[in-house]
Amino acid sequence: MDERDYEPFRGLFEEAYAEYLEFLKVKNPQRYGKERKIRREVSPARFNHYLETGSSFVAEEDGKLIGYVASQAISFMHGVDKLLWIEYIVVQSGHRRRGVGTALLNRLIDYAKSVNIDRIYTTINPDNEASVKLHRNVGFNVEDRKVASLRIQAL
């Protein structure tokens, strides 16, 4: 991930967020109303934060960003001294179910191993079956279909 990725990163986030809002409109109208008031976005400062972590990665095809995983190291969470927290994993709709999400998560796991981090955590929308399946297929323990964690085994 580098500075050039900001606009495509932001655009992909907006695409995924719009998709999420459409899902909520049908499945959870109360949450939809709350989310519309919040209006999440990726500011330059937020993008730069993930850029500086060194633990956020993009997937490209023909030089175009088609997915990303945005994460950061956190100390002392869930009884673990140091872990990676995944804030977002997004794959452009036309590139889903082609291994892009798996490749991004595997790249993150490789990074975690290289810096001696042995846990990765995230939250998953319990109704996002594709996300639950992706995380489980990579080896995450998905509890109550809300919290997903992965213990990194030493090489």
Protein backbone atom coordinates (compact mmCIF):
# COMPACT_ATOMS: atom_id res chain seq x y z
CA MET A 1 0.00 0.00 0.00
CA ASP A 2 1.32 3.46 -0.80
CA GLU A 3 0.16 7.09 -1.14
CA ARG A 4 -1.14 6.53 -4.68
CA ASP A 5 -3.73 4.13 -3.31
CA TYR A 6 -5.75 6.74 -1.40
CA GLU A 7 -8.38 7.56 -4.04
CA PRO A 8 -8.97 3.96 -5.15
CA PHE A 9 -8.97 2.84 -1.49
CA ARG A 10 -11.53 5.51 -0.63
CA GLY A 11 -13.65 4.67 -3.69
CA LEU A 12 -13.65 0.97 -2.88
CA PHE A 13 -14.61 1.75 0.72
CA GLU A 14 -17.52 3.88 -0.48
CA GLU A 15 -18.69 1.10 -2.82
CA ALA A 16 -18.60 -1.45 0.01
CA TYR A 17 -20.26 0.94 2.46
CA ALA A 18 -23.11 1.67 0.02
CA GLU A 19 -23.59 -2.08 -0.39
CA TYR A 20 -23.68 -2.47 3.40
CA LEU A 21 -26.31 0.29 3.70
CA GLU A 22 -28.50 -1.40 1.09
CA PHE A 23 -28.22 -4.63 3.05
CA LEU A 24 -29.21 -2.85 6.27
CA LYS A 25 -32.14 -1.10 4.62
CA VAL A 26 -33.73 -4.50 4.05
CA LYS A 27 -32.46 -6.56 7.00
CA ASN A 28 -32.16 -4.03 9.81
CA PRO A 29 -33.98 -0.72 9.16
CA GLN A 30 -33.24 0.60 12.66
CA ARG A 31 -29.49 0.11 12.22
CA TYR A 32 -29.78 1.53 8.69
CA GLY A 33 -31.15 4.78 10.10
CA LYS A 34 -28.28 5.03 12.58
CA GLU A 35 -25.64 4.25 9.94
CA ARG A 36 -27.02 6.88 7.56
CA LYS A 37 -26.57 9.49 10.28
CA ILE A 38 -22.98 8.40 10.97
CA ARG A 39 -21.88 8.38 7.30
CA ARG A 40 -18.52 6.66 7.55
CA GLU A 41 -15.72 7.64 5.20
CA VAL A 42 -12.00 7.23 4.73
CA SER A 43 -10.31 10.56 5.38
CA PRO A 44 -6.73 11.22 4.29
CA ALA A 45 -5.71 11.04 7.98
CA ARG A 46 -7.32 7.63 8.43
CA PHE A 47 -5.77 6.33 5.22
CA ASN A 48 -2.36 7.64 6.30
CA HIS A 49 -2.75 5.89 9.64
CA TYR A 50 -3.24 2.56 7.90
CA LEU A 51 -0.44 3.34 5.47
CA GLU A 52 1.96 4.03 8.35
CA THR A 53 1.10 0.83 10.22
CA GLY A 54 2.93 -1.29 7.68
CA SER A 55 0.29 -3.95 8.26
CA SER A 56 -2.24 -2.87 5.63
CA PHE A 57 -2.09 -4.32 2.15
CA VAL A 58 -3.76 -3.93 -1.24
CA ALA A 59 -4.55 -6.36 -4.03
CA GLU A 60 -4.18 -5.14 -7.58
CA GLU A 61 -5.06 -6.44 -11.00
CA ASP A 62 -3.61 -4.81 -14.09
CA GLY A 63 -2.34 -1.98 -11.89
CA LYS A 64 -5.78 -1.23 -10.42
CA LEU A 65 -6.69 -1.65 -6.76
CA ILE A 66 -9.31 -4.40 -6.40
CA GLY A 67 -9.14 -5.04 -2.67
CA TYR A 68 -7.45 -4.22 0.60
CA VAL A 69 -7.04 -5.20 4.19
CA ALA A 70 -6.55 -2.35 6.67
CA SER A 71 -5.12 -3.39 10.02
CA GLN A 72 -3.06 -2.14 12.91
CA ALA A 73 -1.07 -3.56 15.77
CA ILE A 74 -2.67 -3.17 19.18
CA SER A 75 -1.13 -3.88 22.56
CA PHE A 76 -2.94 -5.52 25.46
CA MET A 77 -6.32 -6.54 24.13
CA HIS A 78 -8.33 -9.66 25.01
CA GLY A 79 -5.50 -10.76 27.33
CA VAL A 80 -2.97 -10.73 24.48
CA ASP A 81 0.12 -8.53 24.68
CA LYS A 82 0.25 -7.66 20.98
CA LEU A 83 -2.16 -8.45 18.17
CA LEU A 84 -3.26 -7.26 14.77
CA TRP A 85 -6.71 -5.76 14.52
CA ILE A 86 -8.39 -5.89 11.11
CA GLU A 87 -10.54 -2.83 10.64
CA TYR A 88 -11.56 -3.49 7.05
CA ILE A 89 -11.19 -6.17 4.43
CA VAL A 90 -12.80 -5.11 1.17
CA VAL A 91 -12.83 -6.73 -2.26
CA GLN A 92 -14.41 -5.06 -5.27
CA SER A 93 -17.70 -6.80 -6.06
CA GLY A 94 -16.61 -8.02 -9.51
CA HIS A 95 -13.53 -9.71 -8.03
CA ARG A 96 -15.13 -11.61 -5.15
CA ARG A 97 -14.89 -15.38 -4.80
CA ARG A 98 -11.70 -15.40 -6.84
CA GLY A 99 -9.26 -15.76 -3.94
CA VAL A 100 -8.51 -12.05 -3.45
CA GLY A 101 -9.76 -11.95 0.16
CA THR A 102 -7.89 -15.16 0.93
CA ALA A 103 -4.69 -13.74 -0.57
CA LEU A 104 -5.06 -10.54 1.48
CA LEU A 105 -5.60 -12.44 4.72
CA ASN A 106 -2.69 -14.77 3.96
CA ARG A 107 -0.46 -11.74 3.30
CA LEU A 108 -1.53 -10.33 6.66
CA ILE A 109 -0.78 -13.65 8.38
CA ASP A 110 2.69 -13.70 6.79
CA TYR A 111 3.26 -10.16 8.02
CA ALA A 112 2.14 -11.10 11.54
CA LYS A 113 4.57 -14.01 11.60
CA SER A 114 7.42 -11.79 10.39
CA VAL A 115 6.95 -9.37 13.30
CA ASN A 116 6.20 -12.03 15.95
CA ILE A 117 2.52 -11.28 16.37
CA ASP A 118 0.56 -14.40 17.16
CA ARG A 119 -3.05 -13.19 17.09
CA ILE A 120 -5.28 -11.45 14.60
CA TYR A 121 -8.73 -10.21 15.61
CA THR A 122 -11.63 -8.62 13.81
CA THR A 123 -15.38 -8.32 14.05
CA ILE A 124 -17.60 -9.70 11.35
CA ASN A 125 -21.13 -8.69 10.47
CA PRO A 126 -23.01 -11.82 11.56
CA ASP A 127 -25.20 -11.67 8.46
CA ASN A 128 -22.26 -11.49 6.05
CA GLU A 129 -22.02 -15.18 5.26
CA ALA A 130 -19.28 -14.67 2.66
CA SER A 131 -17.08 -12.92 5.24
CA VAL A 132 -17.72 -15.60 7.85
CA LYS A 133 -16.82 -18.29 5.30
CA LEU A 134 -13.68 -16.42 4.16
CA HIS A 135 -12.37 -16.08 7.70
CA ARG A 136 -13.16 -19.69 8.58
CA ASN A 137 -11.50 -20.96 5.39
CA VAL A 138 -8.29 -19.12 6.28
CA GLY A 139 -8.36 -20.66 9.76
CA PHE A 140 -10.05 -18.05 11.95
CA ASN A 141 -12.09 -19.27 14.86
CA VAL A 142 -15.40 -17.46 14.37
CA GLU A 143 -17.30 -17.32 17.65
CA ASP A 144 -20.98 -16.52 17.63
CA ARG A 145 -20.48 -15.34 14.06
CA LYS A 146 -19.43 -11.95 15.47
CA VAL A 147 -15.84 -12.18 16.66
CA ALA A 148 -13.20 -13.87 14.56
CA SER A 149 -9.69 -14.60 15.79
CA LEU A 150 -6.73 -16.49 14.42
CA ARG A 151 -3.84 -17.86 16.42
CA ILE A 152 -0.67 -17.80 14.35
CA GLN A 153 1.36 -20.98 14.66
CA ALA A 154 5.15 -20.69 14.64
CA LEU A 155 6.88 -21.77 11.44
